[in-house]
Amino acid sequence: MKIRNILLAAIAVIVLAGAAAPANAAVHHHHRHHRHHRR
């Protein structure tokens, strides 16, 4: 049961990381692009 709980936690972290990474990169890229355009 403990091992199963660890696996579920690991999957949750991977899913959250996979979902947050593209969003963070997109926001950062958009902000950088806007700043460059403003310059």
C-alpha atoms as a PDB file:
ATOM      1  CA  MET A   1       0.000   0.000   0.000  1.00  0.00           C
ATOM      2  CA  LYS A   2       2.806   2.432   0.831  1.00  0.00           C
ATOM      3  CA  ILE A   3       4.525   1.639  -2.477  1.00  0.00           C
ATOM      4  CA  ARG A   4       1.245   2.245  -4.297  1.00  0.00           C
ATOM      5  CA  ASN A   5       0.858   5.582  -2.545  1.00  0.00           C
ATOM      6  CA  ILE A   6       4.392   6.565  -3.584  1.00  0.00           C
ATOM      7  CA  LEU A   7       3.647   5.635  -7.191  1.00  0.00           C
ATOM      8  CA  LEU A   8       0.472   7.735  -7.175  1.00  0.00           C
ATOM      9  CA  ALA A   9       2.377  10.669  -5.700  1.00  0.00           C
ATOM     10  CA  ALA A  10       5.133  10.329  -8.307  1.00  0.00           C
ATOM     11  CA  ILE A  11       2.593  10.228 -11.137  1.00  0.00           C
ATOM     12  CA  ALA A  12       0.854  13.305  -9.735  1.00  0.00           C
ATOM     13  CA  VAL A  13       4.137  15.221  -9.578  1.00  0.00           C
ATOM     14  CA  ILE A  14       5.034  14.236 -13.150  1.00  0.00           C
ATOM     15  CA  VAL A  15       1.599  15.277 -14.427  1.00  0.00           C
ATOM     16  CA  LEU A  16       1.733  18.600 -12.571  1.00  0.00           C
ATOM     17  CA  ALA A  17       5.278  19.262 -13.791  1.00  0.00           C
ATOM     18  CA  GLY A  18       4.332  18.375 -17.366  1.00  0.00           C
ATOM     19  CA  ALA A  19       1.281  20.658 -17.192  1.00  0.00           C
ATOM     20  CA  ALA A  20       3.121  23.560 -15.530  1.00  0.00           C
ATOM     21  CA  ALA A  21       6.298  23.494 -17.658  1.00  0.00           C
ATOM     22  CA  PRO A  22       4.703  24.440 -21.031  1.00  0.00           C
ATOM     23  CA  ALA A  23       2.506  27.095 -19.390  1.00  0.00           C
ATOM     24  CA  ASN A  24       5.462  28.663 -17.566  1.00  0.00           C
ATOM     25  CA  ALA A  25       7.596  28.559 -20.727  1.00  0.00           C
ATOM     26  CA  ALA A  26       4.773  30.084 -22.788  1.00  0.00           C
ATOM     27  CA  VAL A  27       4.220  32.898 -20.289  1.00  0.00           C
ATOM     28  CA  HIS A  28       7.939  33.592 -20.021  1.00  0.00           C
ATOM     29  CA  HIS A  29       8.351  33.511 -23.787  1.00  0.00           C
ATOM     30  CA  HIS A  30       5.361  35.794 -24.297  1.00  0.00           C
ATOM     31  CA  HIS A  31       6.643  38.249 -21.696  1.00  0.00           C
ATOM     32  CA  ARG A  32      10.118  38.211 -23.220  1.00  0.00           C
ATOM     33  CA  HIS A  33       8.735  38.704 -26.700  1.00  0.00           C
ATOM     34  CA  HIS A  34       6.605  41.629 -25.528  1.00  0.00           C
ATOM     35  CA  ARG A  35       9.578  43.223 -23.786  1.00  0.00           C
ATOM     36  CA  HIS A  36      11.715  42.818 -26.894  1.00  0.00           C
ATOM     37  CA  HIS A  37       8.971  44.313 -29.060  1.00  0.00           C
ATOM     38  CA  ARG A  38       8.637  47.247 -26.666  1.00  0.00           C
ATOM     39  CA  ARG A  39      12.365  47.922 -27.003  1.00  0.00           C
END
